[in-house]
Every structure is written in C-alpha cells, then in structure tokens.
mmCIF file of all heavy atoms, coordinates in Angstrom:
data_MODEL
# 
_entry.id   MODEL 
# 
loop_
_atom_site.group_PDB 
_atom_site.id 
_atom_site.type_symbol 
_atom_site.label_atom_id 
_atom_site.label_alt_id 
_atom_site.label_comp_id 
_atom_site.label_asym_id 
_atom_site.label_entity_id 
_atom_site.label_seq_id 
_atom_site.pdbx_PDB_ins_code 
_atom_site.Cartn_x 
_atom_site.Cartn_y 
_atom_site.Cartn_z 
_atom_site.occupancy 
_atom_site.B_iso_or_equiv 
_atom_site.pdbx_formal_charge 
_atom_site.auth_seq_id 
_atom_site.auth_comp_id 
_atom_site.auth_asym_id 
_atom_site.auth_atom_id 
_atom_site.pdbx_PDB_model_num 
ATOM 1   N N   . MET A 1 1  ? 74.486  93.158 139.138 1.00 0.00 ? 1  MET A N   1 
ATOM 2   C CA  . MET A 1 1  ? 75.669  93.169 139.976 1.00 0.00 ? 1  MET A CA  1 
ATOM 3   C C   . MET A 1 1  ? 76.639  92.054 139.603 1.00 0.00 ? 1  MET A C   1 
ATOM 4   O O   . MET A 1 1  ? 77.777  92.040 140.059 1.00 0.00 ? 1  MET A O   1 
ATOM 5   C CB  . MET A 1 1  ? 75.261  93.002 141.449 1.00 0.00 ? 1  MET A CB  1 
ATOM 6   C CG  . MET A 1 1  ? 74.349  94.097 141.973 1.00 0.00 ? 1  MET A CG  1 
ATOM 7   S SD  . MET A 1 1  ? 75.132  95.711 141.957 1.00 0.00 ? 1  MET A SD  1 
ATOM 8   C CE  . MET A 1 1  ? 76.315  95.490 143.276 1.00 0.00 ? 1  MET A CE  1 
ATOM 9   N N   . ILE A 1 2  ? 76.200  91.086 138.798 1.00 0.00 ? 2  ILE A N   1 
ATOM 10  C CA  . ILE A 1 2  ? 77.056  89.959 138.459 1.00 0.00 ? 2  ILE A CA  1 
ATOM 11  C C   . ILE A 1 2  ? 78.064  90.373 137.402 1.00 0.00 ? 2  ILE A C   1 
ATOM 12  O O   . ILE A 1 2  ? 77.733  91.059 136.455 1.00 0.00 ? 2  ILE A O   1 
ATOM 13  C CB  . ILE A 1 2  ? 76.215  88.779 137.965 1.00 0.00 ? 2  ILE A CB  1 
ATOM 14  C CG1 . ILE A 1 2  ? 75.316  88.298 139.097 1.00 0.00 ? 2  ILE A CG1 1 
ATOM 15  C CG2 . ILE A 1 2  ? 77.083  87.628 137.489 1.00 0.00 ? 2  ILE A CG2 1 
ATOM 16  C CD1 . ILE A 1 2  ? 74.341  87.254 138.686 1.00 0.00 ? 2  ILE A CD1 1 
ATOM 17  N N   . LEU A 1 3  ? 79.290  89.936 137.545 1.00 0.00 ? 3  LEU A N   1 
ATOM 18  C CA  . LEU A 1 3  ? 80.349  90.244 136.604 1.00 0.00 ? 3  LEU A CA  1 
ATOM 19  C C   . LEU A 1 3  ? 80.613  89.028 135.734 1.00 0.00 ? 3  LEU A C   1 
ATOM 20  O O   . LEU A 1 3  ? 80.518  87.894 136.187 1.00 0.00 ? 3  LEU A O   1 
ATOM 21  C CB  . LEU A 1 3  ? 81.643  90.603 137.361 1.00 0.00 ? 3  LEU A CB  1 
ATOM 22  C CG  . LEU A 1 3  ? 81.539  91.682 138.408 1.00 0.00 ? 3  LEU A CG  1 
ATOM 23  C CD1 . LEU A 1 3  ? 82.882  91.853 139.088 1.00 0.00 ? 3  LEU A CD1 1 
ATOM 24  C CD2 . LEU A 1 3  ? 81.084  92.989 137.791 1.00 0.00 ? 3  LEU A CD2 1 
ATOM 25  N N   . ARG A 1 4  ? 80.976  89.301 134.499 1.00 0.00 ? 4  ARG A N   1 
ATOM 26  C CA  . ARG A 1 4  ? 81.444  88.206 133.666 1.00 0.00 ? 4  ARG A CA  1 
ATOM 27  C C   . ARG A 1 4  ? 82.821  88.601 133.130 1.00 0.00 ? 4  ARG A C   1 
ATOM 28  O O   . ARG A 1 4  ? 82.943  89.298 132.152 1.00 0.00 ? 4  ARG A O   1 
ATOM 29  C CB  . ARG A 1 4  ? 80.476  87.944 132.507 1.00 0.00 ? 4  ARG A CB  1 
ATOM 30  C CG  . ARG A 1 4  ? 80.749  86.603 131.819 1.00 0.00 ? 4  ARG A CG  1 
ATOM 31  C CD  . ARG A 1 4  ? 79.816  86.401 130.642 1.00 0.00 ? 4  ARG A CD  1 
ATOM 32  N NE  . ARG A 1 4  ? 79.803  85.033 130.194 1.00 0.00 ? 4  ARG A NE  1 
ATOM 33  C CZ  . ARG A 1 4  ? 80.742  84.458 129.470 1.00 0.00 ? 4  ARG A CZ  1 
ATOM 34  N NH1 . ARG A 1 4  ? 81.794  85.153 129.111 1.00 0.00 ? 4  ARG A NH1 1 
ATOM 35  N NH2 . ARG A 1 4  ? 80.648  83.194 129.116 1.00 0.00 ? 4  ARG A NH2 1 
ATOM 36  N N   . VAL A 1 5  ? 83.833  88.161 133.830 1.00 0.00 ? 5  VAL A N   1 
ATOM 37  C CA  . VAL A 1 5  ? 85.202  88.507 133.455 1.00 0.00 ? 5  VAL A CA  1 
ATOM 38  C C   . VAL A 1 5  ? 86.066  87.262 133.605 1.00 0.00 ? 5  VAL A C   1 
ATOM 39  O O   . VAL A 1 5  ? 85.715  86.325 134.311 1.00 0.00 ? 5  VAL A O   1 
ATOM 40  C CB  . VAL A 1 5  ? 85.770  89.642 134.331 1.00 0.00 ? 5  VAL A CB  1 
ATOM 41  C CG1 . VAL A 1 5  ? 85.008  90.925 134.140 1.00 0.00 ? 5  VAL A CG1 1 
ATOM 42  C CG2 . VAL A 1 5  ? 85.778  89.224 135.803 1.00 0.00 ? 5  VAL A CG2 1 
ATOM 43  N N   . VAL A 1 6  ? 87.168  87.262 132.939 1.00 0.00 ? 6  VAL A N   1 
ATOM 44  C CA  . VAL A 1 6  ? 88.129  86.163 133.094 1.00 0.00 ? 6  VAL A CA  1 
ATOM 45  C C   . VAL A 1 6  ? 89.092  86.514 134.216 1.00 0.00 ? 6  VAL A C   1 
ATOM 46  O O   . VAL A 1 6  ? 89.733  87.559 134.203 1.00 0.00 ? 6  VAL A O   1 
ATOM 47  C CB  . VAL A 1 6  ? 88.897  85.914 131.787 1.00 0.00 ? 6  VAL A CB  1 
ATOM 48  C CG1 . VAL A 1 6  ? 89.988  84.862 131.991 1.00 0.00 ? 6  VAL A CG1 1 
ATOM 49  C CG2 . VAL A 1 6  ? 87.931  85.479 130.695 1.00 0.00 ? 6  VAL A CG2 1 
ATOM 50  N N   . VAL A 1 7  ? 89.171  85.650 135.201 1.00 0.00 ? 7  VAL A N   1 
ATOM 51  C CA  . VAL A 1 7  ? 90.018  85.872 136.365 1.00 0.00 ? 7  VAL A CA  1 
ATOM 52  C C   . VAL A 1 7  ? 91.201  84.914 136.304 1.00 0.00 ? 7  VAL A C   1 
ATOM 53  O O   . VAL A 1 7  ? 91.028  83.725 136.108 1.00 0.00 ? 7  VAL A O   1 
ATOM 54  C CB  . VAL A 1 7  ? 89.237  85.630 137.669 1.00 0.00 ? 7  VAL A CB  1 
ATOM 55  C CG1 . VAL A 1 7  ? 90.157  85.736 138.881 1.00 0.00 ? 7  VAL A CG1 1 
ATOM 56  C CG2 . VAL A 1 7  ? 88.108  86.621 137.796 1.00 0.00 ? 7  VAL A CG2 1 
ATOM 57  N N   . ARG A 1 8  ? 92.389  85.458 136.468 1.00 0.00 ? 8  ARG A N   1 
ATOM 58  C CA  . ARG A 1 8  ? 93.567  84.607 136.564 1.00 0.00 ? 8  ARG A CA  1 
ATOM 59  C C   . ARG A 1 8  ? 94.279  84.845 137.901 1.00 0.00 ? 8  ARG A C   1 
ATOM 60  O O   . ARG A 1 8  ? 95.455  84.544 138.051 1.00 0.00 ? 8  ARG A O   1 
ATOM 61  C CB  . ARG A 1 8  ? 94.525  84.870 135.407 1.00 0.00 ? 8  ARG A CB  1 
ATOM 62  C CG  . ARG A 1 8  ? 93.933  84.519 134.061 1.00 0.00 ? 8  ARG A CG  1 
ATOM 63  C CD  . ARG A 1 8  ? 94.953  84.692 132.957 1.00 0.00 ? 8  ARG A CD  1 
ATOM 64  N NE  . ARG A 1 8  ? 94.381  84.372 131.666 1.00 0.00 ? 8  ARG A NE  1 
ATOM 65  C CZ  . ARG A 1 8  ? 94.298  83.144 131.169 1.00 0.00 ? 8  ARG A CZ  1 
ATOM 66  N NH1 . ARG A 1 8  ? 94.739  82.138 131.872 1.00 0.00 ? 8  ARG A NH1 1 
ATOM 67  N NH2 . ARG A 1 8  ? 93.758  82.932 129.984 1.00 0.00 ? 8  ARG A NH2 1 
ATOM 68  N N   . GLN A 1 9  ? 93.548  85.348 138.852 1.00 0.00 ? 9  GLN A N   1 
ATOM 69  C CA  . GLN A 1 9  ? 94.109  85.694 140.152 1.00 0.00 ? 9  GLN A CA  1 
ATOM 70  C C   . GLN A 1 9  ? 94.774  84.472 140.783 1.00 0.00 ? 9  GLN A C   1 
ATOM 71  O O   . GLN A 1 9  ? 94.160  83.416 140.895 1.00 0.00 ? 9  GLN A O   1 
ATOM 72  C CB  . GLN A 1 9  ? 92.999  86.207 141.069 1.00 0.00 ? 9  GLN A CB  1 
ATOM 73  C CG  . GLN A 1 9  ? 93.488  86.583 142.454 1.00 0.00 ? 9  GLN A CG  1 
ATOM 74  C CD  . GLN A 1 9  ? 92.350  87.108 143.304 1.00 0.00 ? 9  GLN A CD  1 
ATOM 75  O OE1 . GLN A 1 9  ? 91.247  87.234 142.850 1.00 0.00 ? 9  GLN A OE1 1 
ATOM 76  N NE2 . GLN A 1 9  ? 92.647  87.402 144.547 1.00 0.00 ? 9  GLN A NE2 1 
ATOM 77  N N   . LEU A 1 10 ? 96.025  84.629 141.142 1.00 0.00 ? 10 LEU A N   1 
ATOM 78  C CA  . LEU A 1 10 ? 96.802  83.667 141.906 1.00 0.00 ? 10 LEU A CA  1 
ATOM 79  C C   . LEU A 1 10 ? 97.246  82.447 141.120 1.00 0.00 ? 10 LEU A C   1 
ATOM 80  O O   . LEU A 1 10 ? 98.146  81.751 141.538 1.00 0.00 ? 10 LEU A O   1 
ATOM 81  C CB  . LEU A 1 10 ? 96.019  83.172 143.142 1.00 0.00 ? 10 LEU A CB  1 
ATOM 82  C CG  . LEU A 1 10 ? 95.525  84.216 144.121 1.00 0.00 ? 10 LEU A CG  1 
ATOM 83  C CD1 . LEU A 1 10 ? 94.747  83.554 145.230 1.00 0.00 ? 10 LEU A CD1 1 
ATOM 84  C CD2 . LEU A 1 10 ? 96.670  85.007 144.694 1.00 0.00 ? 10 LEU A CD2 1 
ATOM 85  N N   . TYR A 1 11 ? 96.611  82.150 139.976 1.00 0.00 ? 11 TYR A N   1 
ATOM 86  C CA  . TYR A 1 11 ? 96.818  80.841 139.371 1.00 0.00 ? 11 TYR A CA  1 
ATOM 87  C C   . TYR A 1 11 ? 97.410  80.903 137.965 1.00 0.00 ? 11 TYR A C   1 
ATOM 88  O O   . TYR A 1 11 ? 97.407  79.915 137.256 1.00 0.00 ? 11 TYR A O   1 
ATOM 89  C CB  . TYR A 1 11 ? 95.499  80.068 139.340 1.00 0.00 ? 11 TYR A CB  1 
ATOM 90  C CG  . TYR A 1 11 ? 95.031  79.738 140.724 1.00 0.00 ? 11 TYR A CG  1 
ATOM 91  C CD1 . TYR A 1 11 ? 93.984  80.422 141.310 1.00 0.00 ? 11 TYR A CD1 1 
ATOM 92  C CD2 . TYR A 1 11 ? 95.671  78.755 141.475 1.00 0.00 ? 11 TYR A CD2 1 
ATOM 93  C CE1 . TYR A 1 11 ? 93.569  80.138 142.600 1.00 0.00 ? 11 TYR A CE1 1 
ATOM 94  C CE2 . TYR A 1 11 ? 95.278  78.460 142.747 1.00 0.00 ? 11 TYR A CE2 1 
ATOM 95  C CZ  . TYR A 1 11 ? 94.227  79.147 143.316 1.00 0.00 ? 11 TYR A CZ  1 
ATOM 96  O OH  . TYR A 1 11 ? 93.838  78.861 144.587 1.00 0.00 ? 11 TYR A OH  1 
ATOM 97  N N   . GLN A 1 12 ? 97.914  82.028 137.559 1.00 0.00 ? 12 GLN A N   1 
ATOM 98  C CA  . GLN A 1 12 ? 98.491  82.131 136.226 1.00 0.00 ? 12 GLN A CA  1 
ATOM 99  C C   . GLN A 1 12 ? 99.676  81.176 136.105 1.00 0.00 ? 12 GLN A C   1 
ATOM 100 O O   . GLN A 1 12 ? 100.570 81.153 136.930 1.00 0.00 ? 12 GLN A O   1 
ATOM 101 C CB  . GLN A 1 12 ? 98.942  83.561 135.938 1.00 0.00 ? 12 GLN A CB  1 
ATOM 102 C CG  . GLN A 1 12 ? 99.406  83.755 134.503 1.00 0.00 ? 12 GLN A CG  1 
ATOM 103 C CD  . GLN A 1 12 ? 99.639  85.214 134.174 1.00 0.00 ? 12 GLN A CD  1 
ATOM 104 O OE1 . GLN A 1 12 ? 99.539  86.054 135.052 1.00 0.00 ? 12 GLN A OE1 1 
ATOM 105 N NE2 . GLN A 1 12 ? 99.905  85.504 132.927 1.00 0.00 ? 12 GLN A NE2 1 
ATOM 106 N N   . GLY A 1 13 ? 99.663  80.356 135.060 1.00 0.00 ? 13 GLY A N   1 
ATOM 107 C CA  . GLY A 1 13 ? 100.732 79.400 134.832 1.00 0.00 ? 13 GLY A CA  1 
ATOM 108 C C   . GLY A 1 13 ? 100.613 78.122 135.620 1.00 0.00 ? 13 GLY A C   1 
ATOM 109 O O   . GLY A 1 13 ? 101.436 77.223 135.496 1.00 0.00 ? 13 GLY A O   1 
ATOM 110 N N   . ILE A 1 14 ? 99.556  78.003 136.456 1.00 0.00 ? 14 ILE A N   1 
ATOM 111 C CA  . ILE A 1 14 ? 99.383  76.810 137.282 1.00 0.00 ? 14 ILE A CA  1 
ATOM 112 C C   . ILE A 1 14 ? 98.190  75.994 136.796 1.00 0.00 ? 14 ILE A C   1 
ATOM 113 O O   . ILE A 1 14 ? 98.300  74.793 136.559 1.00 0.00 ? 14 ILE A O   1 
ATOM 114 C CB  . ILE A 1 14 ? 99.191  77.180 138.770 1.00 0.00 ? 14 ILE A CB  1 
ATOM 115 C CG1 . ILE A 1 14 ? 100.436 77.911 139.276 1.00 0.00 ? 14 ILE A CG1 1 
ATOM 116 C CG2 . ILE A 1 14 ? 98.902  75.943 139.602 1.00 0.00 ? 14 ILE A CG2 1 
ATOM 117 C CD1 . ILE A 1 14 ? 100.297 78.412 140.694 1.00 0.00 ? 14 ILE A CD1 1 
ATOM 118 N N   . ALA A 1 15 ? 97.043  76.654 136.665 1.00 0.00 ? 15 ALA A N   1 
ATOM 119 C CA  . ALA A 1 15 ? 95.816  75.942 136.307 1.00 0.00 ? 15 ALA A CA  1 
ATOM 120 C C   . ALA A 1 15 ? 95.377  76.375 134.909 1.00 0.00 ? 15 ALA A C   1 
ATOM 121 O O   . ALA A 1 15 ? 95.530  77.528 134.525 1.00 0.00 ? 15 ALA A O   1 
ATOM 122 C CB  . ALA A 1 15 ? 94.719  76.241 137.317 1.00 0.00 ? 15 ALA A CB  1 
ATOM 123 N N   . HIS A 1 16 ? 94.819  75.449 134.173 1.00 0.00 ? 16 HIS A N   1 
ATOM 124 C CA  . HIS A 1 16 ? 94.449  75.707 132.784 1.00 0.00 ? 16 HIS A CA  1 
ATOM 125 C C   . HIS A 1 16 ? 92.933  75.859 132.667 1.00 0.00 ? 16 HIS A C   1 
ATOM 126 O O   . HIS A 1 16 ? 92.252  75.054 132.039 1.00 0.00 ? 16 HIS A O   1 
ATOM 127 C CB  . HIS A 1 16 ? 94.966  74.576 131.894 1.00 0.00 ? 16 HIS A CB  1 
ATOM 128 C CG  . HIS A 1 16 ? 96.438  74.396 131.997 1.00 0.00 ? 16 HIS A CG  1 
ATOM 129 N ND1 . HIS A 1 16 ? 97.343  75.312 131.503 1.00 0.00 ? 16 HIS A ND1 1 
ATOM 130 C CD2 . HIS A 1 16 ? 97.181  73.419 132.579 1.00 0.00 ? 16 HIS A CD2 1 
ATOM 131 C CE1 . HIS A 1 16 ? 98.577  74.891 131.743 1.00 0.00 ? 16 HIS A CE1 1 
ATOM 132 N NE2 . HIS A 1 16 ? 98.499  73.759 132.395 1.00 0.00 ? 16 HIS A NE2 1 
ATOM 133 N N   . HIS A 1 17 ? 92.409  76.887 133.291 1.00 0.00 ? 17 HIS A N   1 
ATOM 134 C CA  . HIS A 1 17 ? 90.977  77.136 133.262 1.00 0.00 ? 17 HIS A CA  1 
ATOM 135 C C   . HIS A 1 17 ? 90.724  78.630 133.141 1.00 0.00 ? 17 HIS A C   1 
ATOM 136 O O   . HIS A 1 17 ? 91.521  79.444 133.571 1.00 0.00 ? 17 HIS A O   1 
ATOM 137 C CB  . HIS A 1 17 ? 90.290  76.632 134.536 1.00 0.00 ? 17 HIS A CB  1 
ATOM 138 C CG  . HIS A 1 17 ? 90.511  75.184 134.826 1.00 0.00 ? 17 HIS A CG  1 
ATOM 139 N ND1 . HIS A 1 17 ? 91.477  74.759 135.691 1.00 0.00 ? 17 HIS A ND1 1 
ATOM 140 C CD2 . HIS A 1 17 ? 89.879  74.079 134.364 1.00 0.00 ? 17 HIS A CD2 1 
ATOM 141 C CE1 . HIS A 1 17 ? 91.447  73.440 135.761 1.00 0.00 ? 17 HIS A CE1 1 
ATOM 142 N NE2 . HIS A 1 17 ? 90.496  73.004 134.971 1.00 0.00 ? 17 HIS A NE2 1 
ATOM 143 N N   . HIS A 1 18 ? 89.604  78.958 132.585 1.00 0.00 ? 18 HIS A N   1 
ATOM 144 C CA  . HIS A 1 18 ? 89.040  80.290 132.748 1.00 0.00 ? 18 HIS A CA  1 
ATOM 145 C C   . HIS A 1 18 ? 88.101  80.245 133.938 1.00 0.00 ? 18 HIS A C   1 
ATOM 146 O O   . HIS A 1 18 ? 87.430  79.248 134.193 1.00 0.00 ? 18 HIS A O   1 
ATOM 147 C CB  . HIS A 1 18 ? 88.235  80.712 131.512 1.00 0.00 ? 18 HIS A CB  1 
ATOM 148 C CG  . HIS A 1 18 ? 89.078  80.965 130.305 1.00 0.00 ? 18 HIS A CG  1 
ATOM 149 N ND1 . HIS A 1 18 ? 90.134  81.829 130.305 1.00 0.00 ? 18 HIS A ND1 1 
ATOM 150 C CD2 . HIS A 1 18 ? 88.984  80.462 129.054 1.00 0.00 ? 18 HIS A CD2 1 
ATOM 151 C CE1 . HIS A 1 18 ? 90.689  81.852 129.103 1.00 0.00 ? 18 HIS A CE1 1 
ATOM 152 N NE2 . HIS A 1 18 ? 90.013  81.030 128.321 1.00 0.00 ? 18 HIS A NE2 1 
ATOM 153 N N   . VAL A 1 19 ? 88.035  81.337 134.691 1.00 0.00 ? 19 VAL A N   1 
ATOM 154 C CA  . VAL A 1 19 ? 87.127  81.425 135.825 1.00 0.00 ? 19 VAL A CA  1 
ATOM 155 C C   . VAL A 1 19 ? 86.165  82.569 135.554 1.00 0.00 ? 19 VAL A C   1 
ATOM 156 O O   . VAL A 1 19 ? 86.568  83.718 135.447 1.00 0.00 ? 19 VAL A O   1 
ATOM 157 C CB  . VAL A 1 19 ? 87.903  81.679 137.135 1.00 0.00 ? 19 VAL A CB  1 
ATOM 158 C CG1 . VAL A 1 19 ? 86.941  81.776 138.300 1.00 0.00 ? 19 VAL A CG1 1 
ATOM 159 C CG2 . VAL A 1 19 ? 88.903  80.555 137.385 1.00 0.00 ? 19 VAL A CG2 1 
ATOM 160 N N   . VAL A 1 20 ? 84.897  82.255 135.404 1.00 0.00 ? 20 VAL A N   1 
ATOM 161 C CA  . VAL A 1 20 ? 83.882  83.259 135.127 1.00 0.00 ? 20 VAL A CA  1 
ATOM 162 C C   . VAL A 1 20 ? 83.204  83.638 136.433 1.00 0.00 ? 20 VAL A C   1 
ATOM 163 O O   . VAL A 1 20 ? 82.527  82.822 137.061 1.00 0.00 ? 20 VAL A O   1 
ATOM 164 C CB  . VAL A 1 20 ? 82.839  82.732 134.114 1.00 0.00 ? 20 VAL A CB  1 
ATOM 165 C CG1 . VAL A 1 20 ? 81.789  83.803 133.828 1.00 0.00 ? 20 VAL A CG1 1 
ATOM 166 C CG2 . VAL A 1 20 ? 83.528  82.312 132.821 1.00 0.00 ? 20 VAL A CG2 1 
ATOM 167 N N   . VAL A 1 21 ? 83.408  84.876 136.880 1.00 0.00 ? 21 VAL A N   1 
ATOM 168 C CA  . VAL A 1 21 ? 82.897  85.302 138.182 1.00 0.00 ? 21 VAL A CA  1 
ATOM 169 C C   . VAL A 1 21 ? 81.380  85.453 138.134 1.00 0.00 ? 21 VAL A C   1 
ATOM 170 O O   . VAL A 1 21 ? 80.847  86.146 137.278 1.00 0.00 ? 21 VAL A O   1 
ATOM 171 C CB  . VAL A 1 21 ? 83.545  86.634 138.613 1.00 0.00 ? 21 VAL A CB  1 
ATOM 172 C CG1 . VAL A 1 21 ? 82.945  87.128 139.916 1.00 0.00 ? 21 VAL A CG1 1 
ATOM 173 C CG2 . VAL A 1 21 ? 85.046  86.453 138.763 1.00 0.00 ? 21 VAL A CG2 1 
ATOM 174 N N   . LEU A 1 22 ? 80.703  84.822 139.069 1.00 0.00 ? 22 LEU A N   1 
ATOM 175 C CA  . LEU A 1 22 ? 79.255  84.943 139.175 1.00 0.00 ? 22 LEU A CA  1 
ATOM 176 C C   . LEU A 1 22 ? 78.841  85.927 140.252 1.00 0.00 ? 22 LEU A C   1 
ATOM 177 O O   . LEU A 1 22 ? 77.938  86.724 140.069 1.00 0.00 ? 22 LEU A O   1 
ATOM 178 C CB  . LEU A 1 22 ? 78.623  83.576 139.477 1.00 0.00 ? 22 LEU A CB  1 
ATOM 179 C CG  . LEU A 1 22 ? 78.904  82.455 138.478 1.00 0.00 ? 22 LEU A CG  1 
ATOM 180 C CD1 . LEU A 1 22 ? 78.104  81.225 138.874 1.00 0.00 ? 22 LEU A CD1 1 
ATOM 181 C CD2 . LEU A 1 22 ? 78.576  82.877 137.069 1.00 0.00 ? 22 LEU A CD2 1 
ATOM 182 N N   . ILE A 1 23 ? 79.502  85.864 141.399 1.00 0.00 ? 23 ILE A N   1 
ATOM 183 C CA  . ILE A 1 23 ? 79.074  86.705 142.515 1.00 0.00 ? 23 ILE A CA  1 
ATOM 184 C C   . ILE A 1 23 ? 80.245  86.922 143.458 1.00 0.00 ? 23 ILE A C   1 
ATOM 185 O O   . ILE A 1 23 ? 80.984  85.999 143.781 1.00 0.00 ? 23 ILE A O   1 
ATOM 186 C CB  . ILE A 1 23 ? 77.866  86.071 143.247 1.00 0.00 ? 23 ILE A CB  1 
ATOM 187 C CG1 . ILE A 1 23 ? 77.333  86.987 144.341 1.00 0.00 ? 23 ILE A CG1 1 
ATOM 188 C CG2 . ILE A 1 23 ? 78.174  84.696 143.778 1.00 0.00 ? 23 ILE A CG2 1 
ATOM 189 C CD1 . ILE A 1 23 ? 75.975  86.550 144.862 1.00 0.00 ? 23 ILE A CD1 1 
ATOM 190 N N   . ARG A 1 24 ? 80.444  88.168 143.856 1.00 0.00 ? 24 ARG A N   1 
ATOM 191 C CA  . ARG A 1 24 ? 81.541  88.507 144.744 1.00 0.00 ? 24 ARG A CA  1 
ATOM 192 C C   . ARG A 1 24 ? 81.204  88.161 146.184 1.00 0.00 ? 24 ARG A C   1 
ATOM 193 O O   . ARG A 1 24 ? 80.043  88.098 146.561 1.00 0.00 ? 24 ARG A O   1 
ATOM 194 C CB  . ARG A 1 24 ? 81.883  89.988 144.625 1.00 0.00 ? 24 ARG A CB  1 
ATOM 195 C CG  . ARG A 1 24 ? 82.456  90.385 143.274 1.00 0.00 ? 24 ARG A CG  1 
ATOM 196 C CD  . ARG A 1 24 ? 82.786  91.849 143.271 1.00 0.00 ? 24 ARG A CD  1 
ATOM 197 N NE  . ARG A 1 24 ? 83.345  92.276 142.001 1.00 0.00 ? 24 ARG A NE  1 
ATOM 198 C CZ  . ARG A 1 24 ? 83.724  93.509 141.741 1.00 0.00 ? 24 ARG A CZ  1 
ATOM 199 N NH1 . ARG A 1 24 ? 83.583  94.448 142.658 1.00 0.00 ? 24 ARG A NH1 1 
ATOM 200 N NH2 . ARG A 1 24 ? 84.226  93.826 140.559 1.00 0.00 ? 24 ARG A NH2 1 
ATOM 201 N N   . ALA A 1 25 ? 82.242  88.008 146.992 1.00 0.00 ? 25 ALA A N   1 
ATOM 202 C CA  . ALA A 1 25 ? 82.028  87.568 148.364 1.00 0.00 ? 25 ALA A CA  1 
ATOM 203 C C   . ALA A 1 25 ? 81.762  88.714 149.326 1.00 0.00 ? 25 ALA A C   1 
ATOM 204 O O   . ALA A 1 25 ? 80.700  88.814 149.921 1.00 0.00 ? 25 ALA A O   1 
ATOM 205 C CB  . ALA A 1 25 ? 83.235  86.751 148.846 1.00 0.00 ? 25 ALA A CB  1 
ATOM 206 N N   . HIS A 1 26 ? 82.709  89.613 149.487 1.00 0.00 ? 26 HIS A N   1 
ATOM 207 C CA  . HIS A 1 26 ? 82.640  90.571 150.604 1.00 0.00 ? 26 HIS A CA  1 
ATOM 208 C C   . HIS A 1 26 ? 82.491  91.996 150.096 1.00 0.00 ? 26 HIS A C   1 
ATOM 209 O O   . HIS A 1 26 ? 83.393  92.808 150.203 1.00 0.00 ? 26 HIS A O   1 
ATOM 210 C CB  . HIS A 1 26 ? 83.859  90.419 151.503 1.00 0.00 ? 26 HIS A CB  1 
ATOM 211 C CG  . HIS A 1 26 ? 83.929  89.089 152.170 1.00 0.00 ? 26 HIS A CG  1 
ATOM 212 N ND1 . HIS A 1 26 ? 83.040  88.711 153.148 1.00 0.00 ? 26 HIS A ND1 1 
ATOM 213 C CD2 . HIS A 1 26 ? 84.734  88.035 151.977 1.00 0.00 ? 26 HIS A CD2 1 
ATOM 214 C CE1 . HIS A 1 26 ? 83.321  87.487 153.544 1.00 0.00 ? 26 HIS A CE1 1 
ATOM 215 N NE2 . HIS A 1 26 ? 84.336  87.046 152.854 1.00 0.00 ? 26 HIS A NE2 1 
# 
C-alpha cells in the first residue's frame, strides 16, 4: 500500500526538497 512518488503538492517553487510518500493519511 506504500507509494513511492515525488510530491510537489502546494510547495512548487518554495521548498527545495523531494517528498517521498510513505503512508497516506485518510
């Protein structure tokens, strides 16, 4: 069920990180 994707939700152009999703919330 764990995803490994690059998320840029909400923060494109603001933060200089990749976010690797481990587990969804809801």
